[in-house]
Structures are given as structure tokens and as C-alpha cells.
Amino acid sequence: MAMTDGRAMVPASSDNGRARAMVPASSDNGRARAMVPASSDNGRARAMVPASSDNGRARAMVPASSDNGRARAMVPASSDNGR
């Protein structure tokens, strides 16, 4: 058997010698966390949001013409004020 220094075997990517739960390959802080959407860049688990969302907050689905992220009643096609 190979000589060891008495520590538990850890994943090959571990550089601190502490045994830890396996984490996603994209994790760079060594903390186990819930899997998050690929578009997440802050490492916090959150509810899945529409693909057009750029703020990471879950919200009700809104009409495709909405550019403010607020849910509203459907408006006539000729309306250009969004209210």
C-alpha cells in the first residue's frame, strides 16, 4: 500500500486535504450546493426562470412583447403603451 499521511482520501481536485462532498464541476469554492441553472453566475440556487429573464428573479410568464418584466393583462395589438 502507498504511504499516506493519515488523512482520508479526498477527490483528486481537492487542494486543501479536507474530505468534502462532491461538488459540481463548475464549483470553484469547494462548497457543496444545489445544482443551479447553467446561466447562473452567482452560485445561489433559485427557481427556474424564463429564458428571457436577466435578473434571476422568478416571475409570472409575461407576453413576449413585454420588456419590463411585469405581468399584465393582455392588451390589444394596436396598443403601444403596454398598460
PDB file of N, CA and C in Angstrom:
ATOM      1  N   MET A   1       0.839  -1.202   0.000  1.00  0.00           N
ATOM      2  CA  MET A   1       0.000   0.000   0.000  1.00  0.00           C
ATOM      3  C   MET A   1       0.876   1.254   0.000  1.00  0.00           C
ATOM      4  N   ALA A   2       0.348   2.286  -0.610  1.00  0.00           N
ATOM      5  CA  ALA A   2       1.101   3.534  -0.652  1.00  0.00           C
ATOM      6  C   ALA A   2       1.078   4.198   0.713  1.00  0.00           C
ATOM      7  N   MET A   3       2.140   4.892   0.986  1.00  0.00           N
ATOM      8  CA  MET A   3       2.208   5.598   2.266  1.00  0.00           C
ATOM      9  C   MET A   3       1.271   6.812   2.217  1.00  0.00           C
ATOM     10  N   THR A   4       0.564   7.008   3.305  1.00  0.00           N
ATOM     11  CA  THR A   4      -0.311   8.187   3.395  1.00  0.00           C
ATOM     12  C   THR A   4       0.037   8.943   4.651  1.00  0.00           C
ATOM     13  N   ASP A   5      -0.457  10.130   4.773  1.00  0.00           N
ATOM     14  CA  ASP A   5      -0.156  10.924   5.961  1.00  0.00           C
ATOM     15  C   ASP A   5      -1.295  10.881   6.972  1.00  0.00           C
ATOM     16  N   GLY A   6      -2.175   9.899   6.851  1.00  0.00           N
ATOM     17  CA  GLY A   6      -3.236   9.738   7.842  1.00  0.00           C
ATOM     18  C   GLY A   6      -4.523  10.460   7.531  1.00  0.00           C
ATOM     19  N   ARG A   7      -4.589  11.136   6.394  1.00  0.00           N
ATOM     20  CA  ARG A   7      -5.827  11.837   6.043  1.00  0.00           C
ATOM     21  C   ARG A   7      -6.723  10.924   5.236  1.00  0.00           C
ATOM     22  N   ALA A   8      -8.012  11.201   5.316  1.00  0.00           N
ATOM     23  CA  ALA A   8      -8.953  10.446   4.488  1.00  0.00           C
ATOM     24  C   ALA A   8      -8.684  10.762   3.024  1.00  0.00           C
ATOM     25  N   MET A   9      -8.946   9.808   2.172  1.00  0.00           N
ATOM     26  CA  MET A   9      -8.761  10.040   0.740  1.00  0.00           C
ATOM     27  C   MET A   9      -9.768  11.089   0.283  1.00  0.00           C
ATOM     28  N   VAL A  10      -9.315  12.028  -0.494  1.00  0.00           N
ATOM     29  CA  VAL A  10     -10.181  13.106  -0.963  1.00  0.00           C
ATOM     30  C   VAL A  10     -10.175  13.133  -2.483  1.00  0.00           C
ATOM     31  N   PRO A  11     -11.139  13.800  -3.089  1.00  0.00           N
ATOM     32  CA  PRO A  11     -11.169  13.881  -4.557  1.00  0.00           C
ATOM     33  C   PRO A  11      -9.857  14.459  -5.091  1.00  0.00           C
ATOM     34  N   ALA A  12      -9.494  14.054  -6.305  1.00  0.00           N
ATOM     35  CA  ALA A  12      -8.221  14.489  -6.878  1.00  0.00           C
ATOM     36  C   ALA A  12      -8.139  16.004  -7.039  1.00  0.00           C
ATOM     37  N   SER A  13      -9.301  16.654  -7.162  1.00  0.00           N
ATOM     38  CA  SER A  13      -9.285  18.095  -7.385  1.00  0.00           C
ATOM     39  C   SER A  13      -9.162  18.885  -6.082  1.00  0.00           C
ATOM     40  N   SER A  14      -9.201  18.171  -4.957  1.00  0.00           N
ATOM     41  CA  SER A  14      -9.121  18.864  -3.670  1.00  0.00           C
ATOM     42  C   SER A  14      -7.697  19.304  -3.412  1.00  0.00           C
ATOM     43  N   ASP A  15      -7.532  20.549  -3.004  1.00  0.00           N
ATOM     44  CA  ASP A  15      -6.177  21.012  -2.723  1.00  0.00           C
ATOM     45  C   ASP A  15      -6.033  21.459  -1.277  1.00  0.00           C
ATOM     46  N   ASN A  16      -7.005  21.124  -0.442  1.00  0.00           N
ATOM     47  CA  ASN A  16      -6.906  21.548   0.950  1.00  0.00           C
ATOM     48  C   ASN A  16      -6.829  20.375   1.926  1.00  0.00           C
ATOM     49  N   GLY A  17      -6.915  19.143   1.420  1.00  0.00           N
ATOM     50  CA  GLY A  17      -6.742  17.987   2.274  1.00  0.00           C
ATOM     51  C   GLY A  17      -7.927  17.654   3.156  1.00  0.00           C
ATOM     52  N   ARG A  18      -9.054  18.354   2.995  1.00  0.00           N
ATOM     53  CA  ARG A  18     -10.233  18.043   3.798  1.00  0.00           C
ATOM     54  C   ARG A  18     -11.201  17.246   2.946  1.00  0.00           C
ATOM     55  N   ALA A  19     -11.756  16.185   3.535  1.00  0.00           N
ATOM     56  CA  ALA A  19     -12.762  15.411   2.808  1.00  0.00           C
ATOM     57  C   ALA A  19     -14.024  16.265   2.720  1.00  0.00           C
ATOM     58  N   ARG A  20     -14.684  16.254   1.579  1.00  0.00           N
ATOM     59  CA  ARG A  20     -15.889  17.042   1.408  1.00  0.00           C
ATOM     60  C   ARG A  20     -16.807  16.344   0.421  1.00  0.00           C
ATOM     61  N   ALA A  21     -18.030  16.775   0.422  1.00  0.00           N
ATOM     62  CA  ALA A  21     -18.981  16.210  -0.532  1.00  0.00           C
ATOM     63  C   ALA A  21     -18.553  16.580  -1.942  1.00  0.00           C
ATOM     64  N   MET A  22     -18.833  15.708  -2.876  1.00  0.00           N
ATOM     65  CA  MET A  22     -18.515  16.010  -4.268  1.00  0.00           C
ATOM     66  C   MET A  22     -19.357  17.203  -4.711  1.00  0.00           C
ATOM     67  N   VAL A  23     -18.766  18.117  -5.421  1.00  0.00           N
ATOM     68  CA  VAL A  23     -19.471  19.317  -5.855  1.00  0.00           C
ATOM     69  C   VAL A  23     -19.486  19.371  -7.378  1.00  0.00           C
ATOM     70  N   PRO A  24     -20.391  20.168  -7.950  1.00  0.00           N
ATOM     71  CA  PRO A  24     -20.453  20.267  -9.417  1.00  0.00           C
ATOM     72  C   PRO A  24     -19.112  20.721  -9.986  1.00  0.00           C
ATOM     73  N   ALA A  25     -18.832  20.309 -11.202  1.00  0.00           N
ATOM     74  CA  ALA A  25     -17.548  20.630 -11.821  1.00  0.00           C
ATOM     75  C   ALA A  25     -17.336  22.133 -11.967  1.00  0.00           C
ATOM     76  N   SER A  26     -18.423  22.890 -12.018  1.00  0.00           N
ATOM     77  CA  SER A  26     -18.296  24.329 -12.205  1.00  0.00           C
ATOM     78  C   SER A  26     -18.040  25.069 -10.897  1.00  0.00           C
ATOM     79  N   SER A  27     -18.092  24.336  -9.793  1.00  0.00           N
ATOM     80  CA  SER A  27     -17.902  24.987  -8.497  1.00  0.00           C
ATOM     81  C   SER A  27     -16.440  25.329  -8.310  1.00  0.00           C
ATOM     82  N   ASP A  28     -16.151  26.551  -7.894  1.00  0.00           N
ATOM     83  CA  ASP A  28     -14.762  26.921  -7.672  1.00  0.00           C
ATOM     84  C   ASP A  28     -14.511  27.327  -6.235  1.00  0.00           C
ATOM     85  N   ASN A  29     -15.458  27.044  -5.353  1.00  0.00           N
ATOM     86  CA  ASN A  29     -15.259  27.429  -3.966  1.00  0.00           C
ATOM     87  C   ASN A  29     -15.237  26.240  -3.011  1.00  0.00           C
ATOM     88  N   GLY A  30     -15.451  25.032  -3.526  1.00  0.00           N
ATOM     89  CA  GLY A  30     -15.343  23.857  -2.684  1.00  0.00           C
ATOM     90  C   GLY A  30     -16.522  23.613  -1.765  1.00  0.00           C
ATOM     91  N   ARG A  31     -17.601  24.374  -1.900  1.00  0.00           N
ATOM     92  CA  ARG A  31     -18.768  24.142  -1.061  1.00  0.00           C
ATOM     93  C   ARG A  31     -19.807  23.388  -1.859  1.00  0.00           C
ATOM     94  N   ALA A  32     -20.395  22.369  -1.244  1.00  0.00           N
ATOM     95  CA  ALA A  32     -21.468  21.642  -1.924  1.00  0.00           C
ATOM     96  C   ALA A  32     -22.692  22.538  -1.970  1.00  0.00           C
ATOM     97  N   ARG A  33     -23.396  22.522  -3.086  1.00  0.00           N
ATOM     98  CA  ARG A  33     -24.590  23.346  -3.203  1.00  0.00           C
ATOM     99  C   ARG A  33     -25.565  22.671  -4.157  1.00  0.00           C
ATOM    100  N   ALA A  34     -26.773  23.142  -4.120  1.00  0.00           N
ATOM    101  CA  ALA A  34     -27.764  22.587  -5.036  1.00  0.00           C
ATOM    102  C   ALA A  34     -27.369  22.938  -6.468  1.00  0.00           C
ATOM    103  N   MET A  35     -27.704  22.058  -7.379  1.00  0.00           N
ATOM    104  CA  MET A  35     -27.406  22.341  -8.780  1.00  0.00           C
ATOM    105  C   MET A  35     -28.224  23.553  -9.223  1.00  0.00           C
ATOM    106  N   VAL A  36     -27.615  24.457  -9.936  1.00  0.00           N
ATOM    107  CA  VAL A  36     -28.298  25.664 -10.389  1.00  0.00           C
ATOM    108  C   VAL A  36     -28.289  25.714 -11.909  1.00  0.00           C
ATOM    109  N   PRO A  37     -29.163  26.514 -12.496  1.00  0.00           N
ATOM    110  CA  PRO A  37     -29.202  26.608 -13.959  1.00  0.00           C
ATOM    111  C   PRO A  37     -27.846  27.022 -14.521  1.00  0.00           C
ATOM    112  N   ALA A  38     -27.584  26.606 -15.736  1.00  0.00           N
ATOM    113  CA  ALA A  38     -26.289  26.891 -16.348  1.00  0.00           C
ATOM    114  C   ALA A  38     -26.030  28.385 -16.489  1.00  0.00           C
ATOM    115  N   SER A  39     -27.084  29.173 -16.543  1.00  0.00           N
ATOM    116  CA  SER A  39     -26.907  30.603 -16.732  1.00  0.00           C
ATOM    117  C   SER A  39     -26.608  31.333 -15.426  1.00  0.00           C
ATOM    118  N   SER A  40     -26.676  30.612 -14.325  1.00  0.00           N
ATOM    119  CA  SER A  40     -26.437  31.250 -13.037  1.00  0.00           C
ATOM    120  C   SER A  40     -24.961  31.532 -12.868  1.00  0.00           C
ATOM    121  N   ASP A  41     -24.617  32.739 -12.461  1.00  0.00           N
ATOM    122  CA  ASP A  41     -23.209  33.052 -12.254  1.00  0.00           C
ATOM    123  C   ASP A  41     -22.927  33.460 -10.825  1.00  0.00           C
ATOM    124  N   ASN A  42     -23.866  33.243  -9.926  1.00  0.00           N
ATOM    125  CA  ASN A  42     -23.641  33.629  -8.546  1.00  0.00           C
ATOM    126  C   ASN A  42     -23.646  32.449  -7.584  1.00  0.00           C
ATOM    127  N   GLY A  43     -23.911  31.236  -8.080  1.00  0.00           N
ATOM    128  CA  GLY A  43     -23.822  30.068  -7.233  1.00  0.00           C
ATOM    129  C   GLY A  43     -24.969  29.896  -6.257  1.00  0.00           C
ATOM    130  N   ARG A  44     -26.019  30.697  -6.368  1.00  0.00           N
ATOM    131  CA  ARG A  44     -27.159  30.524  -5.470  1.00  0.00           C
ATOM    132  C   ARG A  44     -28.238  29.750  -6.191  1.00  0.00           C
ATOM    133  N   ALA A  45     -28.809  28.760  -5.492  1.00  0.00           N
ATOM    134  CA  ALA A  45     -29.908  28.005  -6.089  1.00  0.00           C
ATOM    135  C   ALA A  45     -31.129  28.911  -6.146  1.00  0.00           C
ATOM    136  N   ARG A  46     -31.877  28.846  -7.226  1.00  0.00           N
ATOM    137  CA  ARG A  46     -33.070  29.661  -7.355  1.00  0.00           C
ATOM    138  C   ARG A  46     -34.071  28.936  -8.226  1.00  0.00           C
ATOM    139  N   ALA A  47     -35.275  29.420  -8.198  1.00  0.00           N
ATOM    140  CA  ALA A  47     -36.300  28.812  -9.042  1.00  0.00           C
ATOM    141  C   ALA A  47     -35.936  29.035 -10.503  1.00  0.00           C
ATOM    142  N   MET A  48     -36.307  28.090 -11.334  1.00  0.00           N
ATOM    143  CA  MET A  48     -36.042  28.252 -12.761  1.00  0.00           C
ATOM    144  C   MET A  48     -36.836  29.445 -13.274  1.00  0.00           C
ATOM    145  N   VAL A  49     -36.222  30.278 -14.068  1.00  0.00           N
ATOM    146  CA  VAL A  49     -36.881  31.469 -14.590  1.00  0.00           C
ATOM    147  C   VAL A  49     -36.920  31.407 -16.114  1.00  0.00           C
ATOM    148  N   PRO A  50     -37.785  32.195 -16.732  1.00  0.00           N
ATOM    149  CA  PRO A  50     -37.868  32.190 -18.195  1.00  0.00           C
ATOM    150  C   PRO A  50     -36.522  32.528 -18.824  1.00  0.00           C
ATOM    151  N   ALA A  51     -36.286  32.025 -20.012  1.00  0.00           N
ATOM    152  CA  ALA A  51     -35.000  32.230 -20.673  1.00  0.00           C
ATOM    153  C   ALA A  51     -34.711  33.701 -20.918  1.00  0.00           C
ATOM    154  N   SER A  52     -35.752  34.513 -21.010  1.00  0.00           N
ATOM    155  CA  SER A  52     -35.541  35.923 -21.296  1.00  0.00           C
ATOM    156  C   SER A  52     -35.224  36.734 -20.043  1.00  0.00           C
ATOM    157  N   SER A  53     -35.285  36.081 -18.895  1.00  0.00           N
ATOM    158  CA  SER A  53     -35.034  36.801 -17.645  1.00  0.00           C
ATOM    159  C   SER A  53     -33.550  37.066 -17.502  1.00  0.00           C
ATOM    160  N   ASP A  54     -33.198  38.291 -17.159  1.00  0.00           N
ATOM    161  CA  ASP A  54     -31.787  38.600 -16.968  1.00  0.00           C
ATOM    162  C   ASP A  54     -31.494  39.079 -15.558  1.00  0.00           C
ATOM    163  N   ASN A  55     -32.442  38.911 -14.659  1.00  0.00           N
ATOM    164  CA  ASN A  55     -32.217  39.370 -13.291  1.00  0.00           C
ATOM    165  C   ASN A  55     -32.259  38.241 -12.271  1.00  0.00           C
ATOM    166  N   GLY A  56     -32.559  37.021 -12.698  1.00  0.00           N
ATOM    167  CA  GLY A  56     -32.527  35.891 -11.785  1.00  0.00           C
ATOM    168  C   GLY A  56     -33.702  35.811 -10.832  1.00  0.00           C
ATOM    169  N   ARG A  57     -34.730  36.627 -11.011  1.00  0.00           N
ATOM    170  CA  ARG A  57     -35.892  36.541 -10.134  1.00  0.00           C
ATOM    171  C   ARG A  57     -36.995  35.789 -10.848  1.00  0.00           C
ATOM    172  N   ALA A  58     -37.614  34.843 -10.135  1.00  0.00           N
ATOM    173  CA  ALA A  58     -38.732  34.120 -10.736  1.00  0.00           C
ATOM    174  C   ALA A  58     -39.918  35.072 -10.829  1.00  0.00           C
ATOM    175  N   ARG A  59     -40.645  34.999 -11.918  1.00  0.00           N
ATOM    176  CA  ARG A  59     -41.810  35.865 -12.091  1.00  0.00           C
ATOM    177  C   ARG A  59     -42.823  35.161 -12.967  1.00  0.00           C
ATOM    178  N   ALA A  60     -44.005  35.700 -12.973  1.00  0.00           N
ATOM    179  CA  ALA A  60     -45.041  35.118 -13.824  1.00  0.00           C
ATOM    180  C   ALA A  60     -44.648  35.300 -15.285  1.00  0.00           C
ATOM    181  N   MET A  61     -45.040  34.362 -16.108  1.00  0.00           N
ATOM    182  CA  MET A  61     -44.749  34.498 -17.533  1.00  0.00           C
ATOM    183  C   MET A  61     -45.503  35.714 -18.077  1.00  0.00           C
ATOM    184  N   VAL A  62     -44.837  36.507 -18.866  1.00  0.00           N
ATOM    185  CA  VAL A  62     -45.452  37.709 -19.413  1.00  0.00           C
ATOM    186  C   VAL A  62     -45.478  37.630 -20.937  1.00  0.00           C
ATOM    187  N   PRO A  63     -46.297  38.442 -21.579  1.00  0.00           N
ATOM    188  CA  PRO A  63     -46.366  38.415 -23.046  1.00  0.00           C
ATOM    189  C   PRO A  63     -44.995  38.671 -23.668  1.00  0.00           C
ATOM    190  N   ALA A  64     -44.787  38.123 -24.842  1.00  0.00           N
ATOM    191  CA  ALA A  64     -43.483  38.241 -25.497  1.00  0.00           C
ATOM    192  C   ALA A  64     -43.103  39.693 -25.765  1.00  0.00           C
ATOM    193  N   SER A  65     -44.098  40.569 -25.879  1.00  0.00           N
ATOM    194  CA  SER A  65     -43.800  41.956 -26.186  1.00  0.00           C
ATOM    195  C   SER A  65     -43.429  42.770 -24.952  1.00  0.00           C
ATOM    196  N   SER A  66     -43.526  42.137 -23.787  1.00  0.00           N
ATOM    197  CA  SER A  66     -43.212  42.856 -22.557  1.00  0.00           C
ATOM    198  C   SER A  66     -41.719  43.022 -22.417  1.00  0.00           C
ATOM    199  N   ASP A  67     -41.284  44.232 -22.113  1.00  0.00           N
ATOM    200  CA  ASP A  67     -39.855  44.447 -21.927  1.00  0.00           C
ATOM    201  C   ASP A  67     -39.529  44.967 -20.537  1.00  0.00           C
ATOM    202  N   ASN A  68     -40.498  44.916 -19.641  1.00  0.00           N
ATOM    203  CA  ASN A  68     -40.243  45.423 -18.297  1.00  0.00           C
ATOM    204  C   ASN A  68     -40.345  44.347 -17.224  1.00  0.00           C
ATOM    205  N   GLY A  69     -40.704  43.116 -17.587  1.00  0.00           N
ATOM    206  CA  GLY A  69     -40.735  42.037 -16.631  1.00  0.00           C
ATOM    207  C   GLY A  69     -41.918  42.053 -15.673  1.00  0.00           C
ATOM    208  N   ARG A  70     -42.901  42.925 -15.902  1.00  0.00           N
ATOM    209  CA  ARG A  70     -44.079  42.939 -15.032  1.00  0.00           C
ATOM    210  C   ARG A  70     -45.211  42.207 -15.721  1.00  0.00           C
ATOM    211  N   ALA A  71     -45.883  41.330 -14.973  1.00  0.00           N
ATOM    212  CA  ALA A  71     -47.030  40.622 -15.540  1.00  0.00           C
ATOM    213  C   ALA A  71     -48.173  41.620 -15.698  1.00  0.00           C
ATOM    214  N   ARG A  72     -48.893  41.525 -16.805  1.00  0.00           N
ATOM    215  CA  ARG A  72     -50.020  42.425 -17.030  1.00  0.00           C
ATOM    216  C   ARG A  72     -51.046  41.719 -17.895  1.00  0.00           C
ATOM    217  N   ALA A  73     -52.205  42.277 -17.948  1.00  0.00           N
ATOM    218  CA  ALA A  73     -53.248  41.696 -18.787  1.00  0.00           C
ATOM    219  C   ALA A  73     -52.849  41.844 -20.259  1.00  0.00           C
ATOM    220  N   MET A  74     -53.285  40.908 -21.065  1.00  0.00           N
ATOM    221  CA  MET A  74     -53.014  41.009 -22.499  1.00  0.00           C
ATOM    222  C   MET A  74     -53.704  42.258 -23.036  1.00  0.00           C
ATOM    223  N   VAL A  75     -53.005  42.982 -23.880  1.00  0.00           N
ATOM    224  CA  VAL A  75     -53.551  44.226 -24.422  1.00  0.00           C
ATOM    225  C   VAL A  75     -53.744  44.089 -25.927  1.00  0.00           C
ATOM    226  N   PRO A  76     -54.597  44.925 -26.519  1.00  0.00           N
ATOM    227  CA  PRO A  76     -54.827  44.856 -27.965  1.00  0.00           C
ATOM    228  C   PRO A  76     -53.523  45.052 -28.738  1.00  0.00           C
ATOM    229  N   ALA A  77     -53.443  44.447 -29.912  1.00  0.00           N
ATOM    230  CA  ALA A  77     -52.220  44.525 -30.702  1.00  0.00           C
ATOM    231  C   ALA A  77     -51.876  45.949 -31.101  1.00  0.00           C
ATOM    232  N   SER A  78     -52.884  46.809 -31.145  1.00  0.00           N
ATOM    233  CA  SER A  78     -52.633  48.178 -31.567  1.00  0.00           C
ATOM    234  C   SER A  78     -52.125  49.059 -30.424  1.00  0.00           C
ATOM    235  N   SER A  79     -52.116  48.505 -29.226  1.00  0.00           N
ATOM    236  CA  SER A  79     -51.663  49.293 -28.073  1.00  0.00           C
ATOM    237  C   SER A  79     -50.154  49.403 -28.100  1.00  0.00           C
ATOM    238  N   ASP A  80     -49.658  50.620 -27.896  1.00  0.00           N
ATOM    239  CA  ASP A  80     -48.203  50.778 -27.892  1.00  0.00           C
ATOM    240  C   ASP A  80     -47.688  51.324 -26.566  1.00  0.00           C
ATOM    241  N   ASN A  81     -48.518  51.316 -25.538  1.00  0.00           N
ATOM    242  CA  ASN A  81     -48.066  51.849 -24.261  1.00  0.00           C
ATOM    243  C   ASN A  81     -47.923  50.774 -23.188  1.00  0.00           C
ATOM    244  N   GLY A  82     -48.364  49.547 -23.456  1.00  0.00           N
ATOM    245  CA  GLY A  82     -48.151  48.454 -22.536  1.00  0.00           C
ATOM    246  C   GLY A  82     -48.964  48.514 -21.255  1.00  0.00           C
ATOM    247  N   ARG A  83     -49.932  49.399 -21.158  1.00  0.00           N
ATOM    248  CA  ARG A  83     -50.750  49.457 -19.940  1.00  0.00           C
ATOM    249  C   ARG A  83     -52.124  48.916 -20.271  1.00  0.00           C
TER     250      ARG A  83
END
